[in-house]
C-alpha atoms as a PDB file:
ATOM      1  CA  MET A   1      -0.050   0.033  -0.093  1.00  0.00           C
ATOM      2  CA  LEU A   2       2.772   2.501   0.909  1.00  0.00           C
ATOM      3  CA  GLU A   3       4.565   1.726  -2.180  1.00  0.00           C
ATOM      4  CA  ARG A   4       1.546   2.567  -4.503  1.00  0.00           C
ATOM      5  CA  LEU A   5       0.745   5.659  -2.377  1.00  0.00           C
ATOM      6  CA  ASN A   6       4.278   6.899  -2.697  1.00  0.00           C
ATOM      7  CA  ALA A   7       3.929   6.356  -6.652  1.00  0.00           C
ATOM      8  CA  GLU A   8       0.857   8.477  -6.873  1.00  0.00           C
ATOM      9  CA  ARG A   9       2.346  11.069  -4.555  1.00  0.00           C
ATOM     10  CA  LYS A  10       5.510  11.309  -6.584  1.00  0.00           C
ATOM     11  CA  LYS A  11       3.225  11.761  -9.702  1.00  0.00           C
ATOM     12  CA  GLY A  12       1.543  14.703  -7.861  1.00  0.00           C
ATOM     13  CA  GLY A  13       4.843  16.274  -6.933  1.00  0.00           C
ATOM     14  CA  LEU A  14       4.562  15.318  -3.136  1.00  0.00           C
ATOM     15  CA  ALA A  15       7.018  13.974  -0.644  1.00  0.00           C
ATOM     16  CA  ARG A  16       7.130  10.327  -0.277  1.00  0.00           C
ATOM     17  CA  LEU A  17       5.853   8.844   2.969  1.00  0.00           C
ATOM     18  CA  THR A  18       7.976   6.908   5.346  1.00  0.00           C
ATOM     19  CA  LEU A  19       7.377   4.213   8.151  1.00  0.00           C
ATOM     20  CA  GLN A  20       8.412   7.190  10.557  1.00  0.00           C
ATOM     21  CA  ASP A  21       5.842   9.332   9.104  1.00  0.00           C
ATOM     22  CA  VAL A  22       3.093   6.647   9.531  1.00  0.00           C
ATOM     23  CA  HIS A  23       4.443   6.010  13.024  1.00  0.00           C
ATOM     24  CA  GLU A  24       4.340   9.492  14.105  1.00  0.00           C
ATOM     25  CA  GLU A  25       0.538   9.947  12.917  1.00  0.00           C
ATOM     26  CA  THR A  26      -0.705   6.500  14.221  1.00  0.00           C
ATOM     27  CA  GLY A  27       1.350   5.670  17.084  1.00  0.00           C
ATOM     28  CA  ILE A  28       2.051   2.263  15.811  1.00  0.00           C
ATOM     29  CA  HIS A  29       5.709   1.412  16.541  1.00  0.00           C
ATOM     30  CA  ARG A  30       8.190   1.124  13.440  1.00  0.00           C
ATOM     31  CA  LYS A  31       9.018  -2.352  14.298  1.00  0.00           C
ATOM     32  CA  ILE A  32       5.196  -3.281  13.751  1.00  0.00           C
ATOM     33  CA  LEU A  33       4.972  -1.414  10.695  1.00  0.00           C
ATOM     34  CA  SER A  34       7.951  -2.938   9.220  1.00  0.00           C
ATOM     35  CA  ARG A  35       6.695  -6.312  10.115  1.00  0.00           C
ATOM     36  CA  ILE A  36       3.226  -5.535   8.583  1.00  0.00           C
ATOM     37  CA  VAL A  37       4.951  -4.287   5.314  1.00  0.00           C
ATOM     38  CA  ASN A  38       7.543  -7.095   5.188  1.00  0.00           C
ATOM     39  CA  ARG A  39       5.763 -10.138   6.465  1.00  0.00           C
ATOM     40  CA  ALA A  40       2.164  -9.462   5.506  1.00  0.00           C
ATOM     41  CA  HIS A  41       1.226 -13.017   6.321  1.00  0.00           C
ATOM     42  CA  GLU A  42       2.036 -12.541  10.194  1.00  0.00           C
ATOM     43  CA  ASN A  43      -0.689 -11.801  12.645  1.00  0.00           C
ATOM     44  CA  THR A  44      -0.953  -8.401  14.031  1.00  0.00           C
ATOM     45  CA  SER A  45      -3.249  -6.758  16.443  1.00  0.00           C
ATOM     46  CA  SER A  46      -6.663  -5.743  15.060  1.00  0.00           C
ATOM     47  CA  GLU A  47      -6.128  -2.423  16.365  1.00  0.00           C
ATOM     48  CA  HIS A  48      -3.189  -1.727  13.880  1.00  0.00           C
ATOM     49  CA  PRO A  49      -4.912  -2.198  10.672  1.00  0.00           C
ATOM     50  CA  GLU A  50      -7.917  -0.039  12.015  1.00  0.00           C
ATOM     51  CA  LYS A  51      -5.479   2.895  12.671  1.00  0.00           C
ATOM     52  CA  LEU A  52      -3.549   2.201   9.349  1.00  0.00           C
ATOM     53  CA  VAL A  53      -7.004   2.407   7.417  1.00  0.00           C
ATOM     54  CA  GLN A  54      -7.984   5.587   9.163  1.00  0.00           C
ATOM     55  CA  TYR A  55      -4.557   7.228   8.605  1.00  0.00           C
ATOM     56  CA  PHE A  56      -4.411   6.247   4.741  1.00  0.00           C
ATOM     57  CA  PHE A  57      -8.141   7.442   4.346  1.00  0.00           C
ATOM     58  CA  LYS A  58      -7.202  10.753   6.015  1.00  0.00           C
ATOM     59  CA  ILE A  59      -3.953  10.802   3.783  1.00  0.00           C
ATOM     60  CA  LEU A  60      -5.879  10.123   0.530  1.00  0.00           C
ATOM     61  CA  ARG A  61      -8.668  12.588   1.340  1.00  0.00           C
ATOM     62  CA  LYS A  62      -6.351  15.519   2.348  1.00  0.00           C
ATOM     63  CA  PRO A  63      -6.549  18.256  -0.429  1.00  0.00           C
ATOM     64  CA  ASP A  64      -3.141  19.119  -1.599  1.00  0.00           C
END
């Protein structure tokens, strides 16, 4: 998801998002974010996907 979002942001001339950016906005630890990105098959708390959905929805809806 982050790669696709960054590709779209690049087309629009916006800065790329990093795991640090996502961490700062969601409060999800960077290690957990890295695990989600790199090992998608691994279980994670149901709280984390909900926070990520809210964050990405906010990012995608934000006027530039």
